[in-house]
Amino acid sequence: MATVETVLSSIFSTVPELHSGQLGLLSGVLVALLYWHGYRRSSLALLTAFYLLALGVVPAASRGLLVVQSKPWYFCSLLVLTSLSAIGGHLAYSRIGRSSRPQVPEVEQREI
């Protein structure tokens, strides 16, 4: 039986890679929460800002950003994967929600 430790050690070879992946996942969850609550433009702007920070377009001012910028592959992958999954899930949820609603025929009102 595989434990969490063996699975994580097979994916991430160093601790900074693991932390970069964790930060990407959490950032993606934040973007997803904003998107699900109706802040579409803000969430996409935040996604872009996170991505640009990870690529080093904006210089790092804290240790967390240094970790992310040293291993941006893990951060960007999990950020985009989480965000796109949430956006796709929201689209599917809204389409299924619309199709499962009963169609009520409109009744014409006659003048008396």
Protein backbone atom coordinates (compact mmCIF):
# COMPACT_ATOMS: atom_id res chain seq x y z
CA MET A 1 0.00 0.00 0.00
CA ALA A 2 1.42 3.35 -1.01
CA THR A 3 1.63 5.99 1.65
CA VAL A 4 1.42 9.73 1.13
CA GLU A 5 5.14 10.01 1.76
CA THR A 6 6.07 7.52 -0.97
CA VAL A 7 3.70 9.09 -3.49
CA LEU A 8 4.98 12.61 -2.81
CA SER A 9 8.61 11.50 -2.91
CA SER A 10 8.02 9.89 -6.30
CA ILE A 11 6.61 13.16 -7.69
CA PHE A 12 8.76 15.75 -5.92
CA SER A 13 12.46 15.11 -5.44
CA THR A 14 13.24 18.09 -3.19
CA VAL A 15 11.43 20.07 -0.53
CA PRO A 16 11.36 23.35 -2.56
CA GLU A 17 9.60 21.48 -5.37
CA LEU A 18 6.97 20.23 -2.93
CA HIS A 19 6.46 23.68 -1.43
CA SER A 20 6.24 25.27 -4.87
CA GLY A 21 3.58 22.74 -5.84
CA GLN A 22 1.65 23.35 -2.63
CA LEU A 23 1.70 27.10 -3.18
CA GLY A 24 0.48 26.60 -6.75
CA LEU A 25 -2.37 24.40 -5.56
CA LEU A 26 -3.43 26.88 -2.87
CA SER A 27 -3.20 29.80 -5.31
CA GLY A 28 -5.35 27.86 -7.76
CA VAL A 29 -7.93 27.24 -5.03
CA LEU A 30 -8.00 30.97 -4.28
CA VAL A 31 -8.55 31.78 -7.97
CA ALA A 32 -11.24 29.09 -8.14
CA LEU A 33 -13.09 30.48 -5.11
CA LEU A 34 -13.12 33.94 -6.63
CA TYR A 35 -14.40 32.55 -9.92
CA TRP A 36 -17.17 30.49 -8.30
CA HIS A 37 -18.38 33.49 -6.31
CA GLY A 38 -18.84 35.57 -9.44
CA TYR A 39 -15.63 37.62 -9.54
CA ARG A 40 -14.72 36.51 -13.06
CA ARG A 41 -12.41 39.33 -14.11
CA SER A 42 -10.72 39.55 -10.72
CA SER A 43 -10.03 35.83 -10.67
CA LEU A 44 -8.54 35.83 -14.16
CA ALA A 45 -6.43 38.88 -13.30
CA LEU A 46 -5.19 37.13 -10.17
CA LEU A 47 -4.39 34.00 -12.18
CA THR A 48 -2.33 36.10 -14.59
CA ALA A 49 -0.57 37.91 -11.74
CA PHE A 50 0.35 34.62 -10.02
CA TYR A 51 1.65 33.22 -13.28
CA LEU A 52 3.78 36.29 -13.99
CA LEU A 53 5.17 36.22 -10.46
CA ALA A 54 6.15 32.59 -10.86
CA LEU A 55 7.89 33.21 -14.15
CA GLY A 56 9.98 35.98 -12.59
CA VAL A 57 8.58 38.89 -14.56
CA VAL A 58 8.07 40.61 -11.21
CA PRO A 59 11.08 40.32 -8.87
CA ALA A 60 10.63 38.24 -5.71
CA ALA A 61 10.49 40.16 -2.45
CA SER A 62 9.88 37.30 -0.02
CA ARG A 63 11.04 33.76 0.62
CA GLY A 64 7.86 32.20 -0.69
CA LEU A 65 8.29 33.84 -4.04
CA LEU A 66 11.94 32.79 -4.15
CA VAL A 67 10.85 29.17 -3.69
CA VAL A 68 8.23 29.54 -6.41
CA GLN A 69 10.63 31.22 -8.82
CA SER A 70 13.30 28.59 -8.22
CA LYS A 71 10.89 25.81 -9.26
CA PRO A 72 8.19 27.51 -11.35
CA TRP A 73 7.19 24.36 -13.24
CA TYR A 74 5.40 22.84 -10.26
CA PHE A 75 3.76 26.09 -9.20
CA CYS A 76 2.49 26.98 -12.68
CA SER A 77 1.29 23.45 -13.42
CA LEU A 78 -0.78 23.10 -10.28
CA LEU A 79 -2.01 26.71 -10.47
CA VAL A 80 -3.31 26.35 -14.01
CA LEU A 81 -4.63 22.80 -13.46
CA THR A 82 -6.59 23.77 -10.35
CA SER A 83 -7.93 27.00 -11.86
CA LEU A 84 -9.02 25.45 -15.14
CA SER A 85 -10.62 22.50 -13.33
CA ALA A 86 -12.68 24.87 -11.20
CA ILE A 87 -13.70 27.01 -14.18
CA GLY A 88 -14.66 23.91 -16.17
CA GLY A 89 -16.53 22.52 -13.18
CA HIS A 90 -18.44 25.76 -12.80
CA LEU A 91 -19.41 25.76 -16.47
CA ALA A 92 -20.55 22.14 -16.30
CA TYR A 93 -22.46 22.80 -13.07
CA SER A 94 -24.26 25.80 -14.54
CA ARG A 95 -25.20 23.92 -17.73
CA ILE A 96 -26.43 20.87 -15.86
CA GLY A 97 -28.35 23.14 -13.50
CA ARG A 98 -30.09 24.84 -16.41
CA SER A 99 -30.97 21.61 -18.18
CA SER A 100 -32.37 19.91 -15.07
CA ARG A 101 -34.84 22.70 -14.30
CA PRO A 102 -38.38 21.83 -15.33
CA GLN A 103 -39.71 23.81 -18.24
CA VAL A 104 -42.87 25.65 -17.26
CA PRO A 105 -45.04 26.61 -20.22
CA GLU A 106 -46.13 30.19 -20.32
CA VAL A 107 -49.85 30.71 -19.96
CA GLU A 108 -51.43 33.53 -21.86
CA GLN A 109 -53.58 35.84 -19.80
CA ARG A 110 -56.86 36.88 -21.40
CA GLU A 111 -58.55 40.12 -20.73
CA ILE A 112 -61.93 39.77 -19.10
